[in-house]
Amino acid sequence: MKVDLEKFRDQGYLIVENAVPPDQLQDLRLSVELMVDGEKARDARGLWR
């Protein structure tokens, strides 16, 4: 894998294509969605203020 360090330094992130096998994407998306929803619920209750 070739990494453009200059782009990483400028943007602060990398895009790694095909890092997650296609058959695992739906499960990963659901897991992330559940985590985000949980954080939003906590924030709405004022637990992060």
N, C-alpha and C. Protein backbone atom coordinates (compact mmCIF):
# COMPACT_ATOMS: atom_id res chain seq x y z
N MET A 1 0.84 -1.17 0.00
CA MET A 1 0.00 0.00 0.00
C MET A 1 0.89 1.24 0.00
N LYS A 2 0.61 2.15 -0.89
CA LYS A 2 1.35 3.40 -0.98
C LYS A 2 0.61 4.48 -0.20
N VAL A 3 1.32 5.18 0.68
CA VAL A 3 0.74 6.23 1.50
C VAL A 3 1.36 7.56 1.12
N ASP A 4 0.52 8.54 0.84
CA ASP A 4 0.98 9.89 0.53
C ASP A 4 1.08 10.66 1.84
N LEU A 5 2.28 10.67 2.42
CA LEU A 5 2.47 11.29 3.73
C LEU A 5 2.18 12.79 3.72
N GLU A 6 2.49 13.45 2.65
CA GLU A 6 2.24 14.89 2.55
C GLU A 6 0.73 15.18 2.62
N LYS A 7 -0.03 14.39 1.90
CA LYS A 7 -1.49 14.54 1.92
C LYS A 7 -2.03 14.24 3.31
N PHE A 8 -1.48 13.21 3.95
CA PHE A 8 -1.90 12.87 5.32
C PHE A 8 -1.61 14.03 6.27
N ARG A 9 -0.43 14.61 6.17
CA ARG A 9 -0.07 15.73 7.04
C ARG A 9 -0.99 16.93 6.80
N ASP A 10 -1.33 17.18 5.54
CA ASP A 10 -2.19 18.32 5.20
C ASP A 10 -3.63 18.10 5.65
N GLN A 11 -4.16 16.89 5.40
CA GLN A 11 -5.57 16.63 5.64
C GLN A 11 -5.85 15.99 7.00
N GLY A 12 -4.87 15.29 7.55
CA GLY A 12 -5.03 14.69 8.85
C GLY A 12 -5.73 13.34 8.86
N TYR A 13 -5.95 12.77 7.69
CA TYR A 13 -6.57 11.45 7.62
C TYR A 13 -6.15 10.73 6.35
N LEU A 14 -6.38 9.44 6.31
CA LEU A 14 -6.09 8.63 5.13
C LEU A 14 -7.37 7.94 4.68
N ILE A 15 -7.48 7.71 3.41
CA ILE A 15 -8.55 6.87 2.87
C ILE A 15 -7.89 5.57 2.45
N VAL A 16 -8.33 4.48 3.06
CA VAL A 16 -7.78 3.17 2.75
C VAL A 16 -8.86 2.38 2.03
N GLU A 17 -8.72 2.29 0.73
CA GLU A 17 -9.72 1.60 -0.08
C GLU A 17 -9.65 0.09 0.15
N ASN A 18 -10.81 -0.53 0.16
CA ASN A 18 -10.96 -1.99 0.30
C ASN A 18 -10.39 -2.52 1.61
N ALA A 19 -10.38 -1.70 2.65
CA ALA A 19 -9.87 -2.14 3.95
C ALA A 19 -10.84 -3.10 4.64
N VAL A 20 -12.13 -2.94 4.34
CA VAL A 20 -13.17 -3.80 4.92
C VAL A 20 -13.76 -4.62 3.78
N PRO A 21 -13.78 -5.92 3.92
CA PRO A 21 -14.37 -6.77 2.89
C PRO A 21 -15.85 -6.41 2.67
N PRO A 22 -16.30 -6.39 1.42
CA PRO A 22 -17.68 -5.99 1.12
C PRO A 22 -18.74 -6.75 1.91
N ASP A 23 -18.50 -8.01 2.21
CA ASP A 23 -19.50 -8.79 2.94
C ASP A 23 -19.61 -8.39 4.41
N GLN A 24 -18.70 -7.55 4.90
CA GLN A 24 -18.74 -7.09 6.29
C GLN A 24 -19.21 -5.65 6.43
N LEU A 25 -19.41 -4.96 5.31
CA LEU A 25 -19.75 -3.54 5.36
C LEU A 25 -21.08 -3.25 6.05
N GLN A 26 -22.11 -4.03 5.77
CA GLN A 26 -23.41 -3.76 6.35
C GLN A 26 -23.36 -3.89 7.87
N ASP A 27 -22.71 -4.91 8.38
CA ASP A 27 -22.59 -5.08 9.83
C ASP A 27 -21.79 -3.92 10.44
N LEU A 28 -20.73 -3.50 9.78
CA LEU A 28 -19.93 -2.39 10.28
C LEU A 28 -20.74 -1.10 10.29
N ARG A 29 -21.48 -0.85 9.23
CA ARG A 29 -22.31 0.36 9.18
C ARG A 29 -23.33 0.38 10.30
N LEU A 30 -23.97 -0.76 10.55
CA LEU A 30 -24.95 -0.85 11.63
C LEU A 30 -24.30 -0.59 12.98
N SER A 31 -23.13 -1.16 13.22
CA SER A 31 -22.43 -0.96 14.49
C SER A 31 -22.09 0.51 14.70
N VAL A 32 -21.60 1.16 13.66
CA VAL A 32 -21.26 2.59 13.77
C VAL A 32 -22.51 3.42 14.00
N GLU A 33 -23.57 3.10 13.30
CA GLU A 33 -24.83 3.83 13.47
C GLU A 33 -25.34 3.71 14.92
N LEU A 34 -25.26 2.52 15.48
CA LEU A 34 -25.69 2.32 16.87
C LEU A 34 -24.83 3.11 17.85
N MET A 35 -23.52 3.15 17.61
CA MET A 35 -22.63 3.93 18.47
C MET A 35 -22.94 5.42 18.39
N VAL A 36 -23.14 5.91 17.17
CA VAL A 36 -23.43 7.34 16.98
C VAL A 36 -24.76 7.68 17.65
N ASP A 37 -25.77 6.85 17.46
CA ASP A 37 -27.07 7.10 18.09
C ASP A 37 -26.95 7.11 19.61
N GLY A 38 -26.14 6.23 20.17
CA GLY A 38 -25.93 6.20 21.62
C GLY A 38 -25.27 7.48 22.11
N GLU A 39 -24.29 7.97 21.38
CA GLU A 39 -23.62 9.22 21.76
C GLU A 39 -24.57 10.40 21.65
N LYS A 40 -25.40 10.41 20.62
CA LYS A 40 -26.38 11.50 20.48
C LYS A 40 -27.37 11.48 21.63
N ALA A 41 -27.81 10.29 22.04
CA ALA A 41 -28.75 10.18 23.15
C ALA A 41 -28.12 10.67 24.45
N ARG A 42 -26.86 10.32 24.68
CA ARG A 42 -26.17 10.79 25.88
C ARG A 42 -26.03 12.30 25.87
N ASP A 43 -25.69 12.85 24.71
CA ASP A 43 -25.52 14.30 24.60
C ASP A 43 -26.86 15.00 24.82
N ALA A 44 -27.94 14.44 24.30
CA ALA A 44 -29.26 15.03 24.47
C ALA A 44 -29.68 15.06 25.94
N ARG A 45 -29.18 14.12 26.72
CA ARG A 45 -29.50 14.09 28.16
C ARG A 45 -28.53 14.95 28.96
N GLY A 46 -27.57 15.57 28.26
CA GLY A 46 -26.64 16.49 28.93
C GLY A 46 -25.50 15.79 29.66
N LEU A 47 -25.22 14.55 29.31
CA LEU A 47 -24.16 13.84 30.02
C LEU A 47 -22.76 14.25 29.58
N TRP A 48 -22.65 14.93 28.47
CA TRP A 48 -21.33 15.35 27.97
C TRP A 48 -21.09 16.83 28.13
N ARG A 49 -21.91 17.48 28.92
CA ARG A 49 -21.75 18.94 29.09
C ARG A 49 -21.13 19.27 30.40
